[in-house]
């Protein structure tokens, strides 16, 4: 019989991007509680260190570093730092860094379109490529991308965000097929939670009402409720799952 230890991450190292707040911070903390050593990265140095400090305060192993996911040199340095937490092997990459810049399509600037694509999609590409030399080929290597319902069904006023998240789906499935020969799994999670990125929606009475009406469970998740799905996909319990998209959104996408 399979025991609950298949969900443990003891002895493994994880790199989480955009982990200074929100879902990224919750995922980093959950990995540490599961036994992993975690490199908390964010473009905001203070936020990254704050998350790492909280993990250490709770008895976990964590370091922090500044990472602009669009910078391949910084991404490689972060991969090296994370791998050093587990004797040179990095087991888990979570591509979570993101930004929103909403506008109706006629008013959406090329700059805003490129910025969102660069951070979400190009950033996921850069970081995934940066960690390749550090991922093990024993079946414990994981790349977990973060997409969204916007990438699955589209979102009014967020053509840039929807395009980026849809691109991540294609990247996930292509990498899953290619890296399977190295026993590395690649999956994506499409979460919906009360985070800084959804604050504008939640604080707009009309948008909040429309959004909640599309969520069958009728509420926003706390980031900590999302984190368990990331632990699952990083663990041995998900060793035979690759190329999949897991919506964790209260039933928004079925």
Protein backbone atom coordinates (compact mmCIF):
# COMPACT_ATOMS: atom_id res chain seq x y z
CA UNK A 1 0.00 0.00 0.00
CA UNK A 2 1.27 3.47 -0.88
CA UNK A 3 1.90 5.62 2.20
CA UNK A 4 1.50 9.33 2.68
CA UNK A 5 5.27 9.71 2.42
CA UNK A 6 4.84 9.86 -1.37
CA UNK A 7 3.77 13.48 -0.81
CA UNK A 8 6.98 14.37 1.03
CA UNK A 9 9.80 16.40 -0.49
CA UNK A 10 12.60 15.59 1.95
CA UNK A 11 16.05 16.11 0.50
CA UNK A 12 14.84 18.02 -2.53
CA UNK A 13 15.50 21.58 -3.65
CA UNK A 14 12.96 23.92 -5.19
CA UNK A 15 13.14 27.26 -6.98
CA UNK A 16 9.96 29.33 -6.96
CA UNK A 17 9.72 32.52 -9.00
CA UNK A 18 7.53 35.42 -7.98
CA UNK A 19 7.54 34.05 -4.43
CA UNK A 20 7.63 37.33 -2.57
CA UNK A 21 3.86 37.31 -2.09
CA UNK A 22 0.62 35.63 -3.04
CA UNK A 23 0.56 32.13 -4.47
CA UNK A 24 4.34 32.01 -4.92
CA UNK A 25 4.96 32.72 -1.25
CA UNK A 26 2.37 30.13 -0.22
CA UNK A 27 3.90 27.52 -2.51
CA UNK A 28 7.42 28.17 -1.22
CA UNK A 29 6.20 27.79 2.37
CA UNK A 30 4.30 24.60 1.55
CA UNK A 31 7.37 23.07 -0.10
CA UNK A 32 9.43 23.85 2.98
CA UNK A 33 6.83 22.24 5.23
CA UNK A 34 6.96 19.16 2.99
CA UNK A 35 10.71 18.96 3.56
CA UNK A 36 12.24 20.75 0.58
CA UNK A 37 14.95 23.40 0.72
CA UNK A 38 13.58 26.41 -1.14
CA UNK A 39 15.09 29.30 -3.05
CA UNK A 40 12.58 32.13 -2.88
CA UNK A 41 13.01 34.46 -5.83
CA UNK A 42 11.30 37.70 -6.74
CA UNK A 43 12.16 40.90 -8.57
CA UNK A 44 11.57 42.61 -5.21
CA UNK A 45 14.55 41.71 -2.99
CA UNK A 46 12.81 42.73 0.24
CA UNK A 47 9.70 40.69 -0.54
CA UNK A 48 11.77 37.62 -1.42
CA UNK A 49 13.78 37.79 1.78
CA UNK A 50 10.63 38.37 3.84
CA UNK A 51 9.12 35.14 2.49
CA UNK A 52 12.35 33.23 3.05
CA UNK A 53 12.67 34.60 6.58
CA UNK A 54 9.13 33.46 7.40
CA UNK A 55 10.01 29.95 6.21
CA UNK A 56 13.14 29.87 8.34
CA UNK A 57 11.17 31.17 11.33
CA UNK A 58 8.90 28.13 10.97
CA UNK A 59 11.88 25.78 10.90
CA UNK A 60 12.26 25.36 7.16
CA UNK A 61 15.27 25.78 4.91
CA UNK A 62 15.12 28.78 2.60
CA UNK A 63 17.30 31.34 0.89
CA UNK A 64 16.29 34.28 -1.27
CA UNK A 65 17.60 36.06 -4.32
CA UNK A 66 16.54 38.76 -6.74
CA UNK A 67 15.43 37.36 -10.08
CA UNK A 68 14.12 39.09 -13.17
CA UNK A 69 12.83 36.09 -15.09
CA UNK A 70 13.53 37.85 -18.38
CA UNK A 71 17.27 37.77 -17.68
CA UNK A 72 18.91 34.46 -18.61
CA UNK A 73 22.12 35.26 -16.71
CA UNK A 74 20.19 35.89 -13.49
CA UNK A 75 18.07 32.79 -14.07
CA UNK A 76 21.16 30.60 -14.42
CA UNK A 77 22.64 32.08 -11.25
CA UNK A 78 19.40 31.40 -9.38
CA UNK A 79 19.37 27.81 -10.64
CA UNK A 80 22.92 27.32 -9.36
CA UNK A 81 22.04 28.81 -5.98
CA UNK A 82 18.96 26.61 -5.64
CA UNK A 83 20.83 23.47 -6.66
CA UNK A 84 23.48 24.19 -4.03
CA UNK A 85 20.78 23.68 -1.40
CA UNK A 86 20.69 19.96 -2.29
CA UNK A 87 24.28 19.03 -3.20
CA UNK A 88 24.07 20.39 -6.74
CA UNK A 89 20.68 19.05 -7.78
CA UNK A 90 17.57 21.15 -8.33
CA UNK A 91 14.44 19.02 -8.29
CA UNK A 92 11.58 21.48 -8.69
CA UNK A 93 11.05 24.68 -10.67
CA UNK A 94 7.84 26.66 -10.30
CA UNK A 95 7.38 29.34 -12.95
CA UNK A 96 5.03 31.61 -11.05
CA UNK A 97 6.30 35.16 -11.67
CA UNK A 98 3.73 37.36 -13.33
CA UNK A 99 2.22 40.76 -13.83
CA UNK A 100 -1.05 42.16 -15.14
CA UNK A 101 -1.63 45.22 -17.29
CA UNK A 102 -5.33 45.19 -18.23
CA UNK A 103 -6.88 47.30 -20.98
CA UNK A 104 -9.60 46.84 -23.54
CA UNK A 105 -8.05 45.73 -26.80
CA UNK A 106 -8.39 49.03 -28.74
CA UNK A 107 -6.45 50.77 -25.97
CA UNK A 108 -3.95 47.99 -25.22
CA UNK A 109 -0.47 49.31 -25.96
CA UNK A 110 2.23 47.28 -27.67
CA UNK A 111 4.44 47.96 -24.65
CA UNK A 112 1.89 46.47 -22.23
CA UNK A 113 1.36 43.49 -24.53
CA UNK A 114 5.08 42.74 -24.79
CA UNK A 115 5.70 43.25 -21.07
CA UNK A 116 3.13 40.68 -20.02
CA UNK A 117 4.23 38.19 -22.67
CA UNK A 118 7.88 38.65 -21.70
CA UNK A 119 7.38 38.10 -17.99
CA UNK A 120 4.91 35.22 -18.13
CA UNK A 121 5.79 33.29 -21.28
CA UNK A 122 9.36 34.25 -22.12
CA UNK A 123 10.22 34.17 -18.42
CA UNK A 124 8.92 30.61 -18.13
CA UNK A 125 11.01 29.62 -21.14
CA UNK A 126 14.16 31.27 -19.80
CA UNK A 127 13.89 29.79 -16.31
CA UNK A 128 13.00 26.32 -17.60
CA UNK A 129 16.03 26.33 -19.87
CA UNK A 130 18.25 27.67 -17.05
CA UNK A 131 17.45 24.77 -14.71
CA UNK A 132 17.84 21.92 -17.21
CA UNK A 133 21.44 21.09 -16.35
CA UNK A 134 20.51 20.87 -12.66
CA UNK A 135 17.37 18.71 -12.92
CA UNK A 136 17.81 15.01 -12.08
CA UNK A 137 16.95 12.23 -14.53
CA UNK A 138 15.79 9.77 -11.85
CA UNK A 139 12.11 10.71 -12.09
CA UNK A 140 12.13 13.42 -9.42
CA UNK A 141 12.65 16.38 -11.77
CA UNK A 142 9.67 18.71 -12.00
CA UNK A 143 8.76 21.85 -13.90
CA UNK A 144 5.46 23.34 -12.82
CA UNK A 145 4.15 26.28 -14.80
CA UNK A 146 1.40 28.65 -13.76
CA UNK A 147 -1.33 29.39 -16.25
CA UNK A 148 -4.87 30.67 -15.74
CA UNK A 149 -8.46 30.33 -16.77
CA UNK A 150 -7.63 33.32 -18.96
CA UNK A 151 -5.35 31.07 -21.01
CA UNK A 152 -8.04 28.42 -21.32
CA UNK A 153 -11.11 30.49 -22.15
CA UNK A 154 -9.92 34.10 -22.58
CA UNK A 155 -10.67 37.21 -20.55
CA UNK A 156 -12.20 40.50 -21.64
CA UNK A 157 -9.75 43.36 -21.15
CA UNK A 158 -6.74 41.09 -20.80
CA UNK A 159 -5.72 40.01 -24.30
CA UNK A 160 -2.05 40.23 -23.29
CA UNK A 161 -2.49 38.12 -20.15
CA UNK A 162 -4.69 35.57 -21.90
CA UNK A 163 -2.22 35.22 -24.77
CA UNK A 164 0.68 34.75 -22.35
CA UNK A 165 -1.16 32.14 -20.31
CA UNK A 166 -2.31 30.29 -23.43
CA UNK A 167 1.30 30.28 -24.64
CA UNK A 168 2.33 28.69 -21.35
CA UNK A 169 -0.06 25.83 -22.06
CA UNK A 170 1.68 25.12 -25.35
CA UNK A 171 5.09 25.43 -23.74
CA UNK A 172 4.05 23.02 -20.99
CA UNK A 173 2.82 20.35 -23.37
CA UNK A 174 5.80 20.63 -25.70
CA UNK A 175 8.31 20.43 -22.86
CA UNK A 176 6.41 17.51 -21.33
CA UNK A 177 6.83 15.51 -24.53
CA UNK A 178 10.46 16.48 -25.04
CA UNK A 179 11.68 16.10 -21.46
CA UNK A 180 9.88 12.83 -20.82
CA UNK A 181 12.89 11.04 -22.30
CA UNK A 182 14.84 12.45 -19.33
CA UNK A 183 12.12 11.42 -16.86
CA UNK A 184 11.34 15.07 -16.11
CA UNK A 185 7.65 15.89 -15.78
CA UNK A 186 6.17 19.22 -16.86
CA UNK A 187 2.70 20.27 -15.81
CA UNK A 188 0.70 23.46 -15.30
CA UNK A 189 -1.69 24.71 -12.66
CA UNK A 190 -4.42 27.26 -13.39
CA UNK A 191 -5.20 28.85 -10.01
CA UNK A 192 -7.61 31.50 -8.85
CA UNK A 193 -7.03 33.13 -5.48
CA UNK A 194 -7.14 36.35 -3.50
CA UNK A 195 -3.68 37.73 -4.30
CA UNK A 196 -2.15 41.11 -5.17
CA UNK A 197 -2.68 40.28 -8.86
CA UNK A 198 -6.45 39.92 -8.37
CA UNK A 199 -6.80 42.86 -6.00
CA UNK A 200 -8.11 45.28 -8.64
CA UNK A 201 -10.88 42.84 -9.53
CA UNK A 202 -11.77 42.08 -5.94
CA UNK A 203 -11.94 45.77 -5.01
CA UNK A 204 -14.15 46.68 -7.99
CA UNK A 205 -17.71 45.90 -6.92
CA UNK A 206 -18.97 45.15 -10.43
CA UNK A 207 -15.99 43.05 -11.50
CA UNK A 208 -15.95 41.19 -8.19
CA UNK A 209 -19.62 40.32 -8.55
CA UNK A 210 -19.16 39.10 -12.14
CA UNK A 211 -16.13 37.01 -11.19
CA UNK A 212 -17.78 35.39 -8.19
CA UNK A 213 -20.80 34.56 -10.33
CA UNK A 214 -18.52 32.45 -12.54
CA UNK A 215 -17.03 30.53 -9.60
CA UNK A 216 -19.34 27.63 -8.63
CA UNK A 217 -17.92 27.56 -5.09
CA UNK A 218 -18.81 31.25 -4.85
CA UNK A 219 -15.68 32.55 -3.12
CA UNK A 220 -12.03 33.45 -3.61
CA UNK A 221 -9.45 30.93 -2.42
CA UNK A 222 -6.71 31.84 0.00
CA UNK A 223 -3.24 31.30 -1.55
CA UNK A 224 -2.59 28.54 0.99
CA UNK A 225 -5.52 26.58 -0.47
CA UNK A 226 -3.78 26.60 -3.84
CA UNK A 227 -0.37 25.49 -2.55
CA UNK A 228 -1.33 21.86 -1.94
CA UNK A 229 -1.76 21.23 -5.65
CA UNK A 230 1.82 22.37 -6.23
CA UNK A 231 3.08 20.01 -3.53
CA UNK A 232 1.17 17.15 -5.16
CA UNK A 233 2.62 17.75 -8.63
CA UNK A 234 6.13 18.09 -7.17
CA UNK A 235 5.89 14.87 -5.19
CA UNK A 236 6.35 11.18 -6.03
CA UNK A 237 2.55 10.88 -5.95
CA UNK A 238 2.51 12.65 -9.34
CA UNK A 239 5.48 10.84 -10.89
CA UNK A 240 3.33 9.47 -13.73
CA UNK A 241 1.58 12.74 -14.56
CA UNK A 242 2.99 15.01 -17.26
CA UNK A 243 1.70 17.44 -19.86
CA UNK A 244 -1.45 18.16 -17.87
CA UNK A 245 -3.23 21.34 -16.76
CA UNK A 246 -4.86 21.31 -13.35
CA UNK A 247 -7.42 24.09 -12.74
CA UNK A 248 -7.58 25.00 -9.05
CA UNK A 249 -10.24 27.64 -9.39
CA UNK A 250 -13.35 26.63 -7.49
CA UNK A 251 -14.86 25.08 -10.61
CA UNK A 252 -14.54 28.12 -12.87
CA UNK A 253 -13.20 25.96 -15.71
CA UNK A 254 -14.69 22.47 -16.01
